[in-house]
Every structure is written in C-alpha cells, then in structure tokens.
C-alpha atoms as a PDB file:
ATOM      1  CA  MET A   1       0.069  -0.359   0.271  1.00  0.00           C
ATOM      2  CA  SER A   2       1.005   3.426  -0.765  1.00  0.00           C
ATOM      3  CA  ASP A   3       2.756   5.759   1.630  1.00  0.00           C
ATOM      4  CA  MET A   4       0.671   8.365   0.591  1.00  0.00           C
ATOM      5  CA  ALA A   5      -3.460   8.642   0.658  1.00  0.00           C
ATOM      6  CA  LEU A   6      -4.009  11.229  -1.608  1.00  0.00           C
ATOM      7  CA  VAL A   7      -1.775  12.548  -4.748  1.00  0.00           C
ATOM      8  CA  LEU A   8      -2.852  15.275  -7.095  1.00  0.00           C
ATOM      9  CA  ASP A   9      -0.592  15.412 -10.147  1.00  0.00           C
ATOM     10  CA  GLY A  10      -0.631  17.992 -12.208  1.00  0.00           C
ATOM     11  CA  ILE A  11      -4.562  19.033 -11.826  1.00  0.00           C
ATOM     12  CA  CYS A  12      -6.424  21.122 -14.689  1.00  0.00           C
ATOM     13  CA  LYS A  13      -9.700  22.031 -14.441  1.00  0.00           C
ATOM     14  CA  THR A  14     -11.400  24.789 -16.838  1.00  0.00           C
ATOM     15  CA  TYR A  15     -14.811  25.625 -16.970  1.00  0.00           C
ATOM     16  CA  ASN A  16     -16.891  26.259 -20.151  1.00  0.00           C
ATOM     17  CA  ALA A  17     -13.680  26.053 -22.308  1.00  0.00           C
ATOM     18  CA  ASN A  18     -13.060  27.730 -25.770  1.00  0.00           C
ATOM     19  CA  LYS A  19     -16.041  29.444 -25.185  1.00  0.00           C
ATOM     20  CA  PRO A  20     -17.136  33.245 -23.785  1.00  0.00           C
ATOM     21  CA  GLY A  21     -16.659  33.307 -19.981  1.00  0.00           C
ATOM     22  CA  GLU A  22     -14.127  30.623 -19.678  1.00  0.00           C
ATOM     23  CA  VAL A  23     -12.768  30.214 -16.528  1.00  0.00           C
ATOM     24  CA  ARG A  24      -9.741  28.642 -16.084  1.00  0.00           C
ATOM     25  CA  VAL A  25      -9.951  27.292 -12.128  1.00  0.00           C
ATOM     26  CA  LEU A  26      -7.147  24.665 -11.760  1.00  0.00           C
ATOM     27  CA  SER A  27      -3.685  24.772 -13.576  1.00  0.00           C
ATOM     28  CA  ASP A  28      -1.493  22.164 -13.005  1.00  0.00           C
ATOM     29  CA  ALA A  29      -2.050  21.782  -9.318  1.00  0.00           C
ATOM     30  CA  SER A  30      -0.062  19.415  -7.406  1.00  0.00           C
ATOM     31  CA  LEU A  31      -0.442  18.063  -3.728  1.00  0.00           C
ATOM     32  CA  SER A  32       0.669  14.912  -1.904  1.00  0.00           C
ATOM     33  CA  ILE A  33      -0.734  13.950   1.785  1.00  0.00           C
ATOM     34  CA  ALA A  34       1.109  11.444   3.531  1.00  0.00           C
ATOM     35  CA  ARG A  35      -1.066   8.821   5.751  1.00  0.00           C
ATOM     36  CA  GLY A  36      -1.923  10.215   8.859  1.00  0.00           C
ATOM     37  CA  GLU A  37      -1.150  13.800   7.670  1.00  0.00           C
ATOM     38  CA  VAL A  38      -3.551  16.770   8.390  1.00  0.00           C
ATOM     39  CA  VAL A  39      -3.205  19.421   5.797  1.00  0.00           C
ATOM     40  CA  ALA A  40      -4.867  22.595   5.713  1.00  0.00           C
ATOM     41  CA  LEU A  41      -6.278  24.321   2.368  1.00  0.00           C
ATOM     42  CA  VAL A  42      -6.256  28.452   3.005  1.00  0.00           C
ATOM     43  CA  ALA A  43      -7.361  30.602  -0.009  1.00  0.00           C
ATOM     44  CA  PRO A  44     -10.016  32.999  -0.222  1.00  0.00           C
ATOM     45  CA  SER A  45     -13.443  32.562  -1.926  1.00  0.00           C
ATOM     46  CA  GLY A  46     -13.340  31.822  -5.373  1.00  0.00           C
ATOM     47  CA  ALA A  47      -9.730  30.566  -5.539  1.00  0.00           C
ATOM     48  CA  GLY A  48     -10.587  26.846  -6.471  1.00  0.00           C
ATOM     49  CA  ASN A  49     -10.688  25.249  -3.109  1.00  0.00           C
ATOM     50  CA  SER A  50     -14.204  23.233  -3.541  1.00  0.00           C
ATOM     51  CA  THR A  51     -12.796  22.739  -7.259  1.00  0.00           C
ATOM     52  CA  LEU A  52     -10.205  21.034  -5.591  1.00  0.00           C
ATOM     53  CA  LEU A  53     -11.774  19.380  -3.349  1.00  0.00           C
ATOM     54  CA  HIS A  54     -14.841  17.554  -5.545  1.00  0.00           C
ATOM     55  CA  ILE A  55     -11.794  16.492  -7.795  1.00  0.00           C
ATOM     56  CA  ALA A  56     -10.180  14.900  -4.882  1.00  0.00           C
ATOM     57  CA  GLY A  57     -13.604  13.412  -3.470  1.00  0.00           C
ATOM     58  CA  LEU A  58     -13.916  11.892  -7.046  1.00  0.00           C
ATOM     59  CA  LEU A  59     -17.176  13.853  -7.047  1.00  0.00           C
ATOM     60  CA  ASP A  60     -15.772  15.698 -10.504  1.00  0.00           C
ATOM     61  CA  THR A  61     -13.171  14.655 -12.732  1.00  0.00           C
ATOM     62  CA  PRO A  62     -10.155  16.718 -13.868  1.00  0.00           C
ATOM     63  CA  ASP A  63      -9.355  17.997 -17.376  1.00  0.00           C
ATOM     64  CA  ARG A  64      -5.859  16.441 -17.404  1.00  0.00           C
ATOM     65  CA  GLY A  65      -3.663  15.169 -14.516  1.00  0.00           C
ATOM     66  CA  ALA A  66      -4.135  12.045 -12.133  1.00  0.00           C
ATOM     67  CA  VAL A  67      -6.107  11.480  -8.438  1.00  0.00           C
ATOM     68  CA  LEU A  68      -4.256   8.602  -6.653  1.00  0.00           C
ATOM     69  CA  VAL A  69      -6.304   7.251  -3.419  1.00  0.00           C
ATOM     70  CA  ASP A  70      -4.225   4.627  -1.611  1.00  0.00           C
ATOM     71  CA  GLY A  71      -1.827   4.781  -4.511  1.00  0.00           C
ATOM     72  CA  VAL A  72      -4.614   4.084  -7.144  1.00  0.00           C
ATOM     73  CA  ASP A  73      -4.933   6.317  -9.983  1.00  0.00           C
ATOM     74  CA  MET A  74      -8.946   6.904  -9.815  1.00  0.00           C
ATOM     75  CA  THR A  75      -8.783   8.722 -13.076  1.00  0.00           C
ATOM     76  CA  ARG A  76      -8.671   5.392 -15.131  1.00  0.00           C
ATOM     77  CA  LEU A  77     -11.288   3.718 -13.178  1.00  0.00           C
ATOM     78  CA  GLY A  78     -14.857   3.628 -14.358  1.00  0.00           C
ATOM     79  CA  ASP A  79     -17.936   5.107 -12.619  1.00  0.00           C
ATOM     80  CA  ARG A  80     -18.607   1.859 -10.749  1.00  0.00           C
ATOM     81  CA  ALA A  81     -15.242   1.853  -9.189  1.00  0.00           C
ATOM     82  CA  ARG A  82     -14.684   5.422  -8.471  1.00  0.00           C
ATOM     83  CA  THR A  83     -18.368   5.326  -6.739  1.00  0.00           C
ATOM     84  CA  SER A  84     -17.063   2.481  -4.849  1.00  0.00           C
ATOM     85  CA  ALA A  85     -13.658   4.023  -4.092  1.00  0.00           C
ATOM     86  CA  ARG A  86     -16.140   7.291  -2.891  1.00  0.00           C
ATOM     87  CA  ARG A  87     -18.065   5.359  -0.681  1.00  0.00           C
ATOM     88  CA  GLY A  88     -15.363   3.722   1.241  1.00  0.00           C
ATOM     89  CA  GLN A  89     -12.118   4.940   0.761  1.00  0.00           C
ATOM     90  CA  ILE A  90     -13.270   8.836   1.371  1.00  0.00           C
ATOM     91  CA  GLY A  91     -15.138  10.950   3.801  1.00  0.00           C
ATOM     92  CA  PHE A  92     -16.695  14.497   2.914  1.00  0.00           C
ATOM     93  CA  VAL A  93     -17.628  16.741   5.292  1.00  0.00           C
ATOM     94  CA  TYR A  94     -19.228  20.284   4.122  1.00  0.00           C
ATOM     95  CA  GLN A  95     -20.109  24.004   5.524  1.00  0.00           C
ATOM     96  CA  PHE A  96     -23.264  22.469   5.952  1.00  0.00           C
ATOM     97  CA  HIS A  97     -24.275  19.203   7.959  1.00  0.00           C
ATOM     98  CA  HIS A  98     -26.538  17.925   5.222  1.00  0.00           C
ATOM     99  CA  LEU A  99     -27.861  15.552   7.869  1.00  0.00           C
ATOM    100  CA  LEU A 100     -31.019  13.700   6.527  1.00  0.00           C
ATOM    101  CA  PRO A 101     -33.608  15.642   8.637  1.00  0.00           C
ATOM    102  CA  GLU A 102     -36.207  12.815   9.148  1.00  0.00           C
ATOM    103  CA  PHE A 103     -33.288  10.803  10.691  1.00  0.00           C
ATOM    104  CA  SER A 104     -32.190  10.826  14.099  1.00  0.00           C
ATOM    105  CA  ALA A 105     -28.352  11.786  14.674  1.00  0.00           C
ATOM    106  CA  LEU A 106     -27.733   8.044  15.235  1.00  0.00           C
ATOM    107  CA  GLU A 107     -29.661   6.839  11.791  1.00  0.00           C
ATOM    108  CA  ASN A 108     -27.783   9.586  10.277  1.00  0.00           C
ATOM    109  CA  VAL A 109     -24.477   7.811  10.663  1.00  0.00           C
ATOM    110  CA  VAL A 110     -25.847   4.172  10.744  1.00  0.00           C
ATOM    111  CA  LEU A 111     -27.216   4.696   6.952  1.00  0.00           C
ATOM    112  CA  PRO A 112     -23.960   5.242   5.184  1.00  0.00           C
ATOM    113  CA  GLN A 113     -22.682   2.066   6.574  1.00  0.00           C
ATOM    114  CA  LEU A 114     -25.896  -0.365   5.503  1.00  0.00           C
ATOM    115  CA  ALA A 115     -25.324   1.055   2.172  1.00  0.00           C
ATOM    116  CA  ASN A 116     -21.997  -0.188   2.648  1.00  0.00           C
ATOM    117  CA  ALA A 117     -23.582  -3.561   3.194  1.00  0.00           C
ATOM    118  CA  VAL A 118     -22.558  -3.390   7.416  1.00  0.00           C
ATOM    119  CA  PRO A 119     -24.464  -5.380   9.482  1.00  0.00           C
ATOM    120  CA  ALA A 120     -27.019  -3.135  11.095  1.00  0.00           C
ATOM    121  CA  LYS A 121     -26.023  -3.938  14.877  1.00  0.00           C
ATOM    122  CA  GLU A 122     -21.867  -3.632  13.506  1.00  0.00           C
ATOM    123  CA  ALA A 123     -23.469  -0.280  12.151  1.00  0.00           C
ATOM    124  CA  GLU A 124     -25.338   0.724  15.358  1.00  0.00           C
ATOM    125  CA  ALA A 125     -21.949   0.004  17.836  1.00  0.00           C
ATOM    126  CA  ARG A 126     -20.021   1.817  15.291  1.00  0.00           C
ATOM    127  CA  ALA A 127     -21.960   5.345  14.872  1.00  0.00           C
ATOM    128  CA  ARG A 128     -22.432   4.979  18.895  1.00  0.00           C
ATOM    129  CA  ASP A 129     -18.538   4.895  19.314  1.00  0.00           C
ATOM    130  CA  LEU A 130     -18.125   7.737  16.949  1.00  0.00           C
ATOM    131  CA  LEU A 131     -20.609   9.942  18.591  1.00  0.00           C
ATOM    132  CA  GLY A 132     -19.457   9.470  22.101  1.00  0.00           C
ATOM    133  CA  ARG A 133     -15.937  10.568  20.725  1.00  0.00           C
ATOM    134  CA  VAL A 134     -17.050  13.768  19.932  1.00  0.00           C
ATOM    135  CA  GLY A 135     -19.532  14.429  22.938  1.00  0.00           C
ATOM    136  CA  VAL A 136     -22.897  13.798  21.162  1.00  0.00           C
ATOM    137  CA  VAL A 137     -23.945  10.359  21.826  1.00  0.00           C
ATOM    138  CA  ALA A 138     -26.696  11.328  24.916  1.00  0.00           C
ATOM    139  CA  ARG A 139     -28.217  13.244  21.806  1.00  0.00           C
ATOM    140  CA  ALA A 140     -28.101  10.049  19.829  1.00  0.00           C
ATOM    141  CA  ASP A 141     -32.166   9.850  19.371  1.00  0.00           C
ATOM    142  CA  HIS A 142     -32.594  13.473  18.665  1.00  0.00           C
ATOM    143  CA  ARG A 143     -33.316  14.692  14.791  1.00  0.00           C
ATOM    144  CA  PRO A 144     -30.953  17.605  13.086  1.00  0.00           C
ATOM    145  CA  ALA A 145     -33.508  20.210  14.134  1.00  0.00           C
ATOM    146  CA  ALA A 146     -33.491  19.628  17.654  1.00  0.00           C
ATOM    147  CA  LEU A 147     -29.442  19.617  17.561  1.00  0.00           C
ATOM    148  CA  SER A 148     -27.431  22.837  18.021  1.00  0.00           C
ATOM    149  CA  GLY A 149     -25.150  23.921  14.694  1.00  0.00           C
ATOM    150  CA  GLY A 150     -22.358  22.725  16.519  1.00  0.00           C
ATOM    151  CA  GLU A 151     -24.158  19.134  17.163  1.00  0.00           C
ATOM    152  CA  GLN A 152     -24.929  19.055  13.632  1.00  0.00           C
ATOM    153  CA  GLN A 153     -21.480  19.344  12.366  1.00  0.00           C
ATOM    154  CA  ARG A 154     -20.342  17.216  14.949  1.00  0.00           C
ATOM    155  CA  VAL A 155     -22.628  14.252  13.724  1.00  0.00           C
ATOM    156  CA  ALA A 156     -21.628  14.997  10.081  1.00  0.00           C
ATOM    157  CA  PHE A 157     -18.271  14.089  11.024  1.00  0.00           C
ATOM    158  CA  CYS A 158     -19.155  10.782  12.406  1.00  0.00           C
ATOM    159  CA  ARG A 159     -21.166  10.341   9.052  1.00  0.00           C
ATOM    160  CA  ALA A 160     -18.351  11.161   7.336  1.00  0.00           C
ATOM    161  CA  LEU A 161     -16.205   8.790   9.163  1.00  0.00           C
ATOM    162  CA  ALA A 162     -19.053   5.917   9.507  1.00  0.00           C
ATOM    163  CA  ASN A 163     -17.387   3.750   6.465  1.00  0.00           C
ATOM    164  CA  SER A 164     -13.578   3.719   8.229  1.00  0.00           C
ATOM    165  CA  PRO A 165     -12.123   5.696   5.274  1.00  0.00           C
ATOM    166  CA  SER A 166      -8.327   6.642   4.926  1.00  0.00           C
ATOM    167  CA  LEU A 167      -8.821   9.999   3.943  1.00  0.00           C
ATOM    168  CA  LEU A 168     -11.504  12.598   5.016  1.00  0.00           C
ATOM    169  CA  LEU A 169     -11.707  15.886   2.992  1.00  0.00           C
ATOM    170  CA  ALA A 170     -13.504  19.060   4.540  1.00  0.00           C
ATOM    171  CA  ASP A 171     -14.653  22.165   2.857  1.00  0.00           C
ATOM    172  CA  GLU A 172     -15.077  25.228   5.689  1.00  0.00           C
ATOM    173  CA  PRO A 173     -16.390  22.647   8.463  1.00  0.00           C
ATOM    174  CA  THR A 174     -16.795  25.256  10.937  1.00  0.00           C
ATOM    175  CA  GLY A 175     -17.864  28.123   8.578  1.00  0.00           C
ATOM    176  CA  ASN A 176     -21.157  28.455   9.676  1.00  0.00           C
ATOM    177  CA  LEU A 177     -20.179  28.308  13.103  1.00  0.00           C
ATOM    178  CA  ASP A 178     -19.598  31.267  15.918  1.00  0.00           C
ATOM    179  CA  PRO A 179     -16.088  31.431  16.831  1.00  0.00           C
ATOM    180  CA  THR A 180     -16.078  29.596  20.500  1.00  0.00           C
ATOM    181  CA  THR A 181     -18.357  27.059  19.265  1.00  0.00           C
ATOM    182  CA  SER A 182     -15.744  26.828  16.003  1.00  0.00           C
ATOM    183  CA  ASP A 183     -13.084  26.222  17.974  1.00  0.00           C
ATOM    184  CA  GLN A 184     -14.939  23.503  20.260  1.00  0.00           C
ATOM    185  CA  VAL A 185     -16.036  21.782  16.659  1.00  0.00           C
ATOM    186  CA  PHE A 186     -12.810  21.957  15.133  1.00  0.00           C
ATOM    187  CA  ALA A 187     -10.871  20.089  18.288  1.00  0.00           C
ATOM    188  CA  ALA A 188     -13.568  17.616  18.242  1.00  0.00           C
ATOM    189  CA  LEU A 189     -12.763  17.036  14.814  1.00  0.00           C
ATOM    190  CA  ILE A 190      -8.934  17.172  15.169  1.00  0.00           C
ATOM    191  CA  ALA A 191      -9.468  14.324  17.824  1.00  0.00           C
ATOM    192  CA  LEU A 192     -11.289  12.031  15.911  1.00  0.00           C
ATOM    193  CA  VAL A 193      -8.603  12.063  12.536  1.00  0.00           C
ATOM    194  CA  ARG A 194      -5.909  11.486  15.170  1.00  0.00           C
ATOM    195  CA  ASP A 195      -7.662   9.200  17.359  1.00  0.00           C
ATOM    196  CA  THR A 196      -8.608   7.003  13.820  1.00  0.00           C
ATOM    197  CA  GLY A 197      -5.397   7.590  12.086  1.00  0.00           C
ATOM    198  CA  LEU A 198      -7.180   9.392   9.052  1.00  0.00           C
ATOM    199  CA  SER A 199      -5.169  11.404   6.730  1.00  0.00           C
ATOM    200  CA  ALA A 200      -7.172  14.548   6.201  1.00  0.00           C
ATOM    201  CA  LEU A 201      -7.060  17.788   3.652  1.00  0.00           C
ATOM    202  CA  ILE A 202      -9.544  20.752   5.475  1.00  0.00           C
ATOM    203  CA  ALA A 203     -10.180  24.341   3.542  1.00  0.00           C
ATOM    204  CA  THR A 204     -10.982  26.711   5.850  1.00  0.00           C
ATOM    205  CA  HIS A 205     -10.412  30.505   5.536  1.00  0.00           C
ATOM    206  CA  ASN A 206      -9.291  30.620   9.820  1.00  0.00           C
ATOM    207  CA  LEU A 207      -5.495  31.059   9.974  1.00  0.00           C
ATOM    208  CA  ASP A 208      -5.738  30.358  13.525  1.00  0.00           C
ATOM    209  CA  LEU A 209      -7.509  26.814  12.804  1.00  0.00           C
ATOM    210  CA  ALA A 210      -5.566  26.091   9.825  1.00  0.00           C
ATOM    211  CA  ARG A 211      -2.165  26.868  12.099  1.00  0.00           C
ATOM    212  CA  ARG A 212      -3.385  23.825  14.407  1.00  0.00           C
ATOM    213  CA  MET A 213      -2.637  21.394  11.587  1.00  0.00           C
ATOM    214  CA  ASP A 214       0.515  19.849  10.608  1.00  0.00           C
ATOM    215  CA  ARG A 215       1.359  22.006   7.541  1.00  0.00           C
ATOM    216  CA  MET A 216      -0.590  24.774   5.494  1.00  0.00           C
ATOM    217  CA  VAL A 217      -0.964  25.091   1.711  1.00  0.00           C
ATOM    218  CA  ARG A 218      -2.340  27.760  -0.309  1.00  0.00           C
ATOM    219  CA  MET A 219      -4.195  28.174  -3.968  1.00  0.00           C
ATOM    220  CA  GLN A 220      -2.975  30.851  -6.007  1.00  0.00           C
ATOM    221  CA  ASP A 221      -3.275  31.233  -9.514  1.00  0.00           C
ATOM    222  CA  GLY A 222      -4.583  27.563  -9.729  1.00  0.00           C
ATOM    223  CA  GLN A 223      -1.907  26.023  -8.352  1.00  0.00           C
ATOM    224  CA  ILE A 224      -1.159  25.220  -4.846  1.00  0.00           C
ATOM    225  CA  LYS A 225       1.676  26.423  -3.199  1.00  0.00           C
ATOM    226  CA  ALA A 226       3.106  25.881   0.438  1.00  0.00           C
ATOM    227  CA  VAL A 227       2.783  28.523   3.204  1.00  0.00           C
END
C-alpha cells in the first residue's frame, strides 16, 4: 500500500472551455498527503478550493492530471469503481451539515454503513462509538432540527467517518459556526482524525485553525503553494 493517502498530480480544470466566459480554475495543481497527515488548504473564496476538493473526492473529474487515493489512479477507473472508492475510502464534510432531517443523529451515521453492506448491529455500534468520541452520544436519538449547530456538525463528522475511510476532505467545516463553537467543534474533529489515523485535507479561511494542522498550503493562480 502506498505511503501517500492522496496524490494530486498536475490537475487542470477549466469551465466553459473555449467558450465565452471560460474560467480556468486549476492549472497544473499538485499535492501529496502522507498517511496520518492533516493539511490545511487556505485561500479566499473563489480561488478553487471547492473544485480541488471535489476532484480529490471523486465528485468531479479533472480535464488533465491524475488523482491517486491509496496509491490507485482513480482517473483510470470506471464510474462504478470510482463510486465504490468514494463510498469506502473517502469521507466528506461540508460547511453545512446536510444531515437527513427525517432521521435521528444515530440513524444518519448508521445509514451510510448499511449502504455499504455493514450489518445493522455492527453499524449501530460503530455509530454510537463515533458519536461518543465527539461528545454527542446523549443526543443520538434526536433529529437534526433538535440539535445545535455545533452538534449537527459533529454528527456530520461521524457520518463522514462511518465507513472507516482513509481520507477525509472537509470544505470550511466550521464556517457556519460562531468563533467559540467553531473552536470546540474543530478540536473534536482533529481529535477524531488523530484517534482514527486518518489523513485529511481541510479547507478553511481561519488561519488560527489552519496553524493547528500539520502544514498549510494555499491556492494561487490555480496552483497549490506551500505556506
């Protein structure tokens, strides 16, 4: 198995190519993340952070370049194999929690596992363990609307880790929270990542949070630069 959880090699992405309004978002962007490494991606809005994360998370495809997850070039795989890799090897956390409102916190963490053919009892046990690690297991039976913003995002973290991925991608995961709650929720996320040995790429505008990660990179002119 590769020592690198994620390798982005020469990623290029242009929208409306060769048309009026062409926008070149990524231009030969490259990045490697080692196993267990947590990397902060800092850049202003519109710099290409979300596009990069979507390509790394196999939600979008590059015009050119390679995306390697656990040493496998995902750009060479078919849709079914990419979907399987995305479901089992990659966890994604967004700025908004996107929890299913009709299900409890526990069920929101159980469901991705059931979709991955994990037995129900095993899925529930893992869900409770994850919720316990971020301090919300007492709220396991509450639906998202009954949870605070910080609790909702903690549940979203657990859902992203439900299928034991090797890579976590997060796009401004505390961006909707007040500073105090943001700090608490981020601490819970980092503790969860460290405890599970995950690698992570976390986009954030908050330099204080970014400095608490292993290293920082930034987007500039469609490329990834060290900070």
